[in-house]
Structures are given as structure tokens and as C-alpha cells.
């Protein structure tokens, strides 16, 4: 998953970078405001995630529709206190 964040000033940027570093998140600094650079960075990450998802499916590492429905049904029960 990717998130594009535009800070409003240098202080916000420093706080955000400190947070990302403290949580050991992977991020790409200084992509720039060039729309093509931003789009290319997004597409690179998106394609990487697609490749990883396809590899998981090929390994058989996925849930069936019935399993997903059961997962959400169980989650609703827990949230509703049932």
C-alpha cells in the first residue's frame, strides 16, 4: 500500500520523517513535485505489489470467497458483542 503525503512546511516534514523513521517504515524521500516523477514512483510501487500478490496466489497463499465471508461475519460478531 502506498500513501502520497504533501506537507505544508518544513516543520511538518521533519515531524513526519521522524515518525516514519521511529516506526521503521519504508519511504522514498524527495520524489519531487514533478507530476511524472510522482506517477512513476506510484506505478513502480503498484507494479511491485501486483507482482507480490500474483506470487502469493501462485503459492496458494490466499483466501476463498467463503473464508472471506466467514472472516467478516466473525468480525461483525465481535464488534457487535455477540
PDB file of N, CA and C in Angstrom:
ATOM      1  N   UNK A   1       0.847  -1.160   0.000  1.00  0.00           N
ATOM      2  CA  UNK A   1       0.000   0.000   0.000  1.00  0.00           C
ATOM      3  C   UNK A   1       0.896   1.225   0.000  1.00  0.00           C
ATOM      4  N   UNK A   2       0.461   2.240  -0.698  1.00  0.00           N
ATOM      5  CA  UNK A   2       1.228   3.478  -0.789  1.00  0.00           C
ATOM      6  C   UNK A   2       0.356   4.663  -0.418  1.00  0.00           C
ATOM      7  N   UNK A   3       1.009   5.665   0.148  1.00  0.00           N
ATOM      8  CA  UNK A   3       0.318   6.901   0.514  1.00  0.00           C
ATOM      9  C   UNK A   3       1.199   8.057   0.077  1.00  0.00           C
ATOM     10  N   UNK A   4       0.617   8.992  -0.636  1.00  0.00           N
ATOM     11  CA  UNK A   4       1.328  10.202  -1.028  1.00  0.00           C
ATOM     12  C   UNK A   4       0.926  11.299  -0.054  1.00  0.00           C
ATOM     13  N   UNK A   5       1.907  11.910   0.588  1.00  0.00           N
ATOM     14  CA  UNK A   5       1.635  12.952   1.582  1.00  0.00           C
ATOM     15  C   UNK A   5       2.386  14.212   1.185  1.00  0.00           C
ATOM     16  N   UNK A   6       1.684  15.316   1.170  1.00  0.00           N
ATOM     17  CA  UNK A   6       2.309  16.618   0.924  1.00  0.00           C
ATOM     18  C   UNK A   6       2.228  17.432   2.204  1.00  0.00           C
ATOM     19  N   UNK A   7       3.380  17.716   2.780  1.00  0.00           N
ATOM     20  CA  UNK A   7       3.405  18.538   3.988  1.00  0.00           C
ATOM     21  C   UNK A   7       3.304  20.005   3.590  1.00  0.00           C
ATOM     22  N   UNK A   8       2.917  20.821   4.553  1.00  0.00           N
ATOM     23  CA  UNK A   8       2.708  22.239   4.276  1.00  0.00           C
ATOM     24  C   UNK A   8       3.921  23.098   4.594  1.00  0.00           C
ATOM     25  N   UNK A   9       4.813  22.565   5.424  1.00  0.00           N
ATOM     26  CA  UNK A   9       6.006  23.341   5.761  1.00  0.00           C
ATOM     27  C   UNK A   9       7.114  22.389   6.220  1.00  0.00           C
ATOM     28  N   UNK A  10       8.277  22.951   6.441  1.00  0.00           N
ATOM     29  CA  UNK A  10       9.454  22.160   6.805  1.00  0.00           C
ATOM     30  C   UNK A  10       9.279  21.463   8.155  1.00  0.00           C
ATOM     31  N   UNK A  11       8.621  22.122   9.112  1.00  0.00           N
ATOM     32  CA  UNK A  11       8.399  21.528  10.431  1.00  0.00           C
ATOM     33  C   UNK A  11       7.545  20.273  10.324  1.00  0.00           C
ATOM     34  N   UNK A  12       6.454  20.339   9.551  1.00  0.00           N
ATOM     35  CA  UNK A  12       5.605  19.157   9.356  1.00  0.00           C
ATOM     36  C   UNK A  12       6.394  18.022   8.701  1.00  0.00           C
ATOM     37  N   UNK A  13       7.231  18.395   7.747  1.00  0.00           N
ATOM     38  CA  UNK A  13       8.044  17.374   7.074  1.00  0.00           C
ATOM     39  C   UNK A  13       8.991  16.689   8.064  1.00  0.00           C
ATOM     40  N   UNK A  14       9.632  17.459   8.926  1.00  0.00           N
ATOM     41  CA  UNK A  14      10.549  16.895   9.908  1.00  0.00           C
ATOM     42  C   UNK A  14       9.820  15.959  10.872  1.00  0.00           C
ATOM     43  N   UNK A  15       8.632  16.376  11.313  1.00  0.00           N
ATOM     44  CA  UNK A  15       7.848  15.548  12.228  1.00  0.00           C
ATOM     45  C   UNK A  15       7.439  14.242  11.552  1.00  0.00           C
ATOM     46  N   UNK A  16       6.991  14.349  10.318  1.00  0.00           N
ATOM     47  CA  UNK A  16       6.576  13.156   9.577  1.00  0.00           C
ATOM     48  C   UNK A  16       7.748  12.202   9.374  1.00  0.00           C
ATOM     49  N   UNK A  17       8.887  12.712   8.970  1.00  0.00           N
ATOM     50  CA  UNK A  17      10.061  11.874   8.756  1.00  0.00           C
ATOM     51  C   UNK A  17      10.499  11.230  10.061  1.00  0.00           C
ATOM     52  N   UNK A  18      10.470  11.965  11.156  1.00  0.00           N
ATOM     53  CA  UNK A  18      10.836  11.395  12.453  1.00  0.00           C
ATOM     54  C   UNK A  18       9.887  10.256  12.821  1.00  0.00           C
ATOM     55  N   UNK A  19       8.602  10.448  12.575  1.00  0.00           N
ATOM     56  CA  UNK A  19       7.623   9.393  12.858  1.00  0.00           C
ATOM     57  C   UNK A  19       7.889   8.164  11.992  1.00  0.00           C
ATOM     58  N   UNK A  20       8.065   8.371  10.696  1.00  0.00           N
ATOM     59  CA  UNK A  20       8.311   7.243   9.788  1.00  0.00           C
ATOM     60  C   UNK A  20       9.567   6.478  10.200  1.00  0.00           C
ATOM     61  N   UNK A  21      10.601   7.204  10.556  1.00  0.00           N
ATOM     62  CA  UNK A  21      11.839   6.553  10.992  1.00  0.00           C
ATOM     63  C   UNK A  21      11.645   5.796  12.302  1.00  0.00           C
ATOM     64  N   UNK A  22      10.896   6.385  13.234  1.00  0.00           N
ATOM     65  CA  UNK A  22      10.699   5.735  14.532  1.00  0.00           C
ATOM     66  C   UNK A  22       9.906   4.443  14.403  1.00  0.00           C
ATOM     67  N   UNK A  23       9.026   4.383  13.406  1.00  0.00           N
ATOM     68  CA  UNK A  23       8.215   3.186  13.182  1.00  0.00           C
ATOM     69  C   UNK A  23       8.864   2.239  12.175  1.00  0.00           C
ATOM     70  N   UNK A  24      10.044   2.623  11.681  1.00  0.00           N
ATOM     71  CA  UNK A  24      10.799   1.821  10.713  1.00  0.00           C
ATOM     72  C   UNK A  24      10.011   1.559   9.422  1.00  0.00           C
ATOM     73  N   UNK A  25       9.239   2.570   8.978  1.00  0.00           N
ATOM     74  CA  UNK A  25       8.518   2.489   7.712  1.00  0.00           C
ATOM     75  C   UNK A  25       9.488   2.701   6.553  1.00  0.00           C
ATOM     76  N   UNK A  26       9.229   2.033   5.450  1.00  0.00           N
ATOM     77  CA  UNK A  26       9.981   2.275   4.223  1.00  0.00           C
ATOM     78  C   UNK A  26       9.316   3.441   3.501  1.00  0.00           C
ATOM     79  N   UNK A  27      10.105   4.386   3.060  1.00  0.00           N
ATOM     80  CA  UNK A  27       9.560   5.514   2.317  1.00  0.00           C
ATOM     81  C   UNK A  27      10.615   6.058   1.370  1.00  0.00           C
ATOM     82  N   UNK A  28      10.147   6.824   0.386  1.00  0.00           N
ATOM     83  CA  UNK A  28      11.045   7.432  -0.588  1.00  0.00           C
ATOM     84  C   UNK A  28      10.992   8.942  -0.414  1.00  0.00           C
ATOM     85  N   UNK A  29      12.051   9.519   0.120  1.00  0.00           N
ATOM     86  CA  UNK A  29      12.060  10.976   0.272  1.00  0.00           C
ATOM     87  C   UNK A  29      12.424  11.659  -1.048  1.00  0.00           C
ATOM     88  N   UNK A  30      12.085  12.916  -1.144  1.00  0.00           N
ATOM     89  CA  UNK A  30      12.494  13.760  -2.264  1.00  0.00           C
ATOM     90  C   UNK A  30      12.083  13.225  -3.624  1.00  0.00           C
ATOM     91  N   UNK A  31      10.846  12.743  -3.723  1.00  0.00           N
ATOM     92  CA  UNK A  31      10.341  12.326  -5.030  1.00  0.00           C
ATOM     93  C   UNK A  31      10.189  13.562  -5.910  1.00  0.00           C
ATOM     94  N   UNK A  32       9.912  14.669  -5.285  1.00  0.00           N
ATOM     95  CA  UNK A  32       9.766  15.915  -6.018  1.00  0.00           C
ATOM     96  C   UNK A  32       8.308  16.204  -6.308  1.00  0.00           C
ATOM     97  N   UNK A  33       8.071  17.371  -6.807  1.00  0.00           N
ATOM     98  CA  UNK A  33       6.692  17.744  -7.111  1.00  0.00           C
ATOM     99  C   UNK A  33       6.385  17.559  -8.592  1.00  0.00           C
ATOM    100  N   UNK A  34       7.372  17.088  -9.354  1.00  0.00           N
ATOM    101  CA  UNK A  34       7.155  16.814 -10.768  1.00  0.00           C
ATOM    102  C   UNK A  34       6.132  15.692 -10.881  1.00  0.00           C
ATOM    103  N   UNK A  35       5.033  15.969 -11.560  1.00  0.00           N
ATOM    104  CA  UNK A  35       3.937  15.007 -11.648  1.00  0.00           C
ATOM    105  C   UNK A  35       4.386  13.677 -12.263  1.00  0.00           C
ATOM    106  N   UNK A  36       5.263  13.736 -13.244  1.00  0.00           N
ATOM    107  CA  UNK A  36       5.744  12.500 -13.879  1.00  0.00           C
ATOM    108  C   UNK A  36       6.560  11.654 -12.904  1.00  0.00           C
ATOM    109  N   UNK A  37       7.400  12.298 -12.086  1.00  0.00           N
ATOM    110  CA  UNK A  37       8.194  11.564 -11.094  1.00  0.00           C
ATOM    111  C   UNK A  37       7.299  10.895 -10.062  1.00  0.00           C
ATOM    112  N   UNK A  38       6.283  11.637  -9.613  1.00  0.00           N
ATOM    113  CA  UNK A  38       5.348  11.099  -8.625  1.00  0.00           C
ATOM    114  C   UNK A  38       4.598   9.913  -9.222  1.00  0.00           C
ATOM    115  N   UNK A  39       4.110  10.069 -10.452  1.00  0.00           N
ATOM    116  CA  UNK A  39       3.370   8.993 -11.114  1.00  0.00           C
ATOM    117  C   UNK A  39       4.261   7.772 -11.322  1.00  0.00           C
ATOM    118  N   UNK A  40       5.509   7.976 -11.705  1.00  0.00           N
ATOM    119  CA  UNK A  40       6.409   6.844 -11.917  1.00  0.00           C
ATOM    120  C   UNK A  40       6.690   6.115 -10.609  1.00  0.00           C
ATOM    121  N   UNK A  41       6.886   6.847  -9.525  1.00  0.00           N
ATOM    122  CA  UNK A  41       7.108   6.225  -8.222  1.00  0.00           C
ATOM    123  C   UNK A  41       5.881   5.423  -7.810  1.00  0.00           C
ATOM    124  N   UNK A  42       4.694   5.987  -8.035  1.00  0.00           N
ATOM    125  CA  UNK A  42       3.462   5.276  -7.721  1.00  0.00           C
ATOM    126  C   UNK A  42       3.348   4.001  -8.537  1.00  0.00           C
ATOM    127  N   UNK A  43       3.581   4.093  -9.845  1.00  0.00           N
ATOM    128  CA  UNK A  43       3.456   2.924 -10.722  1.00  0.00           C
ATOM    129  C   UNK A  43       4.478   1.843 -10.375  1.00  0.00           C
ATOM    130  N   UNK A  44       5.691   2.251 -10.034  1.00  0.00           N
ATOM    131  CA  UNK A  44       6.714   1.270  -9.639  1.00  0.00           C
ATOM    132  C   UNK A  44       6.256   0.485  -8.418  1.00  0.00           C
ATOM    133  N   UNK A  45       5.742   1.187  -7.405  1.00  0.00           N
ATOM    134  CA  UNK A  45       5.278   0.528  -6.190  1.00  0.00           C
ATOM    135  C   UNK A  45       4.048  -0.324  -6.470  1.00  0.00           C
ATOM    136  N   UNK A  46       3.126   0.196  -7.260  1.00  0.00           N
ATOM    137  CA  UNK A  46       1.902  -0.528  -7.611  1.00  0.00           C
ATOM    138  C   UNK A  46       2.238  -1.835  -8.326  1.00  0.00           C
ATOM    139  N   UNK A  47       3.131  -1.769  -9.296  1.00  0.00           N
ATOM    140  CA  UNK A  47       3.519  -2.973 -10.031  1.00  0.00           C
ATOM    141  C   UNK A  47       4.230  -3.977  -9.131  1.00  0.00           C
ATOM    142  N   UNK A  48       5.022  -3.490  -8.199  1.00  0.00           N
ATOM    143  CA  UNK A  48       5.690  -4.370  -7.248  1.00  0.00           C
ATOM    144  C   UNK A  48       4.651  -5.108  -6.395  1.00  0.00           C
ATOM    145  N   UNK A  49       3.627  -4.390  -5.932  1.00  0.00           N
ATOM    146  CA  UNK A  49       2.588  -5.009  -5.120  1.00  0.00           C
ATOM    147  C   UNK A  49       1.784  -6.027  -5.921  1.00  0.00           C
ATOM    148  N   UNK A  50       1.523  -5.738  -7.195  1.00  0.00           N
ATOM    149  CA  UNK A  50       0.816  -6.690  -8.064  1.00  0.00           C
ATOM    150  C   UNK A  50       1.651  -7.960  -8.225  1.00  0.00           C
ATOM    151  N   UNK A  51       2.946  -7.801  -8.477  1.00  0.00           N
ATOM    152  CA  UNK A  51       3.829  -8.964  -8.627  1.00  0.00           C
ATOM    153  C   UNK A  51       3.851  -9.804  -7.356  1.00  0.00           C
ATOM    154  N   UNK A  52       3.901  -9.144  -6.196  1.00  0.00           N
ATOM    155  CA  UNK A  52       3.907  -9.872  -4.924  1.00  0.00           C
ATOM    156  C   UNK A  52       2.589 -10.616  -4.725  1.00  0.00           C
ATOM    157  N   UNK A  53       1.474  -9.989  -5.066  1.00  0.00           N
ATOM    158  CA  UNK A  53       0.164 -10.631  -4.921  1.00  0.00           C
ATOM    159  C   UNK A  53       0.046 -11.838  -5.844  1.00  0.00           C
ATOM    160  N   UNK A  54       0.529 -11.705  -7.072  1.00  0.00           N
ATOM    161  CA  UNK A  54       0.490 -12.838  -8.003  1.00  0.00           C
ATOM    162  C   UNK A  54       1.335 -13.995  -7.497  1.00  0.00           C
ATOM    163  N   UNK A  55       2.487 -13.696  -6.916  1.00  0.00           N
ATOM    164  CA  UNK A  55       3.347 -14.737  -6.363  1.00  0.00           C
ATOM    165  C   UNK A  55       2.654 -15.457  -5.205  1.00  0.00           C
ATOM    166  N   UNK A  56       1.944 -14.708  -4.355  1.00  0.00           N
ATOM    167  CA  UNK A  56       1.197 -15.321  -3.254  1.00  0.00           C
ATOM    168  C   UNK A  56       0.124 -16.260  -3.782  1.00  0.00           C
ATOM    169  N   UNK A  57      -0.585 -15.823  -4.799  1.00  0.00           N
ATOM    170  CA  UNK A  57      -1.638 -16.656  -5.389  1.00  0.00           C
ATOM    171  C   UNK A  57      -1.045 -17.933  -5.975  1.00  0.00           C
ATOM    172  N   UNK A  58       0.071 -17.800  -6.679  1.00  0.00           N
ATOM    173  CA  UNK A  58       0.722 -18.969  -7.273  1.00  0.00           C
ATOM    174  C   UNK A  58       1.185 -19.959  -6.208  1.00  0.00           C
ATOM    175  N   UNK A  59       1.561 -19.445  -5.015  1.00  0.00           N
ATOM    176  CA  UNK A  59       1.971 -20.325  -3.910  1.00  0.00           C
ATOM    177  C   UNK A  59       0.762 -20.925  -3.193  1.00  0.00           C
ATOM    178  N   UNK A  60      -0.431 -20.485  -3.557  1.00  0.00           N
ATOM    179  CA  UNK A  60      -1.636 -20.969  -2.889  1.00  0.00           C
ATOM    180  C   UNK A  60      -1.937 -20.238  -1.604  1.00  0.00           C
ATOM    181  N   UNK A  61      -1.311 -19.088  -1.416  1.00  0.00           N
ATOM    182  CA  UNK A  61      -1.470 -18.294  -0.197  1.00  0.00           C
ATOM    183  C   UNK A  61      -2.575 -17.256  -0.405  1.00  0.00           C
ATOM    184  N   UNK A  62      -3.824 -17.695  -0.300  1.00  0.00           N
ATOM    185  CA  UNK A  62      -4.959 -16.808  -0.490  1.00  0.00           C
ATOM    186  C   UNK A  62      -6.169 -17.374   0.236  1.00  0.00           C
ATOM    187  N   UNK A  63      -7.215 -16.560   0.372  1.00  0.00           N
ATOM    188  CA  UNK A  63      -8.458 -16.988   0.995  1.00  0.00           C
ATOM    189  C   UNK A  63      -9.522 -17.190  -0.083  1.00  0.00           C
ATOM    190  N   UNK A  64     -10.386 -18.163   0.120  1.00  0.00           N
ATOM    191  CA  UNK A  64     -11.516 -18.339  -0.786  1.00  0.00           C
ATOM    192  C   UNK A  64     -12.602 -17.335  -0.420  1.00  0.00           C
ATOM    193  N   UNK A  65     -13.577 -17.184  -1.280  1.00  0.00           N
ATOM    194  CA  UNK A  65     -14.689 -16.260  -1.018  1.00  0.00           C
ATOM    195  C   UNK A  65     -15.413 -16.652   0.267  1.00  0.00           C
ATOM    196  N   UNK A  66     -15.632 -17.954   0.468  1.00  0.00           N
ATOM    197  CA  UNK A  66     -16.303 -18.413   1.685  1.00  0.00           C
ATOM    198  C   UNK A  66     -15.497 -18.052   2.930  1.00  0.00           C
ATOM    199  N   UNK A  67     -14.186 -18.191   2.860  1.00  0.00           N
ATOM    200  CA  UNK A  67     -13.338 -17.842   4.005  1.00  0.00           C
ATOM    201  C   UNK A  67     -13.406 -16.339   4.305  1.00  0.00           C
ATOM    202  N   UNK A  68     -13.428 -15.524   3.266  1.00  0.00           N
ATOM    203  CA  UNK A  68     -13.521 -14.075   3.454  1.00  0.00           C
ATOM    204  C   UNK A  68     -14.856 -13.707   4.096  1.00  0.00           C
ATOM    205  N   UNK A  69     -15.940 -14.297   3.594  1.00  0.00           N
ATOM    206  CA  UNK A  69     -17.257 -14.019   4.165  1.00  0.00           C
ATOM    207  C   UNK A  69     -17.325 -14.439   5.626  1.00  0.00           C
ATOM    208  N   UNK A  70     -16.736 -15.578   5.966  1.00  0.00           N
ATOM    209  CA  UNK A  70     -16.709 -16.032   7.353  1.00  0.00           C
ATOM    210  C   UNK A  70     -15.879 -15.091   8.225  1.00  0.00           C
ATOM    211  N   UNK A  71     -14.752 -14.635   7.692  1.00  0.00           N
ATOM    212  CA  UNK A  71     -13.894 -13.703   8.408  1.00  0.00           C
ATOM    213  C   UNK A  71     -14.657 -12.425   8.762  1.00  0.00           C
ATOM    214  N   UNK A  72     -15.392 -11.874   7.783  1.00  0.00           N
ATOM    215  CA  UNK A  72     -16.154 -10.654   8.047  1.00  0.00           C
ATOM    216  C   UNK A  72     -17.339 -10.913   8.969  1.00  0.00           C
ATOM    217  N   UNK A  73     -17.966 -12.067   8.858  1.00  0.00           N
ATOM    218  CA  UNK A  73     -19.085 -12.398   9.751  1.00  0.00           C
ATOM    219  C   UNK A  73     -18.587 -12.479  11.191  1.00  0.00           C
ATOM    220  N   UNK A  74     -17.449 -13.129  11.393  1.00  0.00           N
ATOM    221  CA  UNK A  74     -16.861 -13.236  12.735  1.00  0.00           C
ATOM    222  C   UNK A  74     -16.478 -11.857  13.264  1.00  0.00           C
ATOM    223  N   UNK A  75     -15.954 -11.024  12.381  1.00  0.00           N
ATOM    224  CA  UNK A  75     -15.553  -9.685  12.787  1.00  0.00           C
ATOM    225  C   UNK A  75     -16.767  -8.868  13.220  1.00  0.00           C
ATOM    226  N   UNK A  76     -17.866  -8.968  12.473  1.00  0.00           N
ATOM    227  CA  UNK A  76     -19.093  -8.250  12.841  1.00  0.00           C
ATOM    228  C   UNK A  76     -19.603  -8.710  14.195  1.00  0.00           C
ATOM    229  N   UNK A  77     -19.535 -10.020  14.448  1.00  0.00           N
ATOM    230  CA  UNK A  77     -19.989 -10.555  15.737  1.00  0.00           C
ATOM    231  C   UNK A  77     -19.174  -9.958  16.868  1.00  0.00           C
ATOM    232  N   UNK A  78     -17.877  -9.902  16.702  1.00  0.00           N
ATOM    233  CA  UNK A  78     -17.005  -9.356  17.741  1.00  0.00           C
ATOM    234  C   UNK A  78     -17.293  -7.873  17.977  1.00  0.00           C
ATOM    235  N   UNK A  79     -17.517  -7.127  16.898  1.00  0.00           N
ATOM    236  CA  UNK A  79     -17.785  -5.701  17.041  1.00  0.00           C
ATOM    237  C   UNK A  79     -19.130  -5.434  17.696  1.00  0.00           C
ATOM    238  N   UNK A  80     -20.095  -6.304  17.432  1.00  0.00           N
ATOM    239  CA  UNK A  80     -21.429  -6.147  17.994  1.00  0.00           C
ATOM    240  C   UNK A  80     -21.561  -6.786  19.384  1.00  0.00           C
ATOM    241  N   UNK A  81     -20.507  -7.434  19.837  1.00  0.00           N
ATOM    242  CA  UNK A  81     -20.534  -8.060  21.161  1.00  0.00           C
ATOM    243  C   UNK A  81     -21.332  -9.316  21.231  1.00  0.00           C
ATOM    244  N   UNK A  82     -21.555  -9.969  20.095  1.00  0.00           N
ATOM    245  CA  UNK A  82     -22.323 -11.220  20.074  1.00  0.00           C
ATOM    246  C   UNK A  82     -21.471 -12.393  20.480  1.00  0.00           C
TER     247      UNK A  82
END
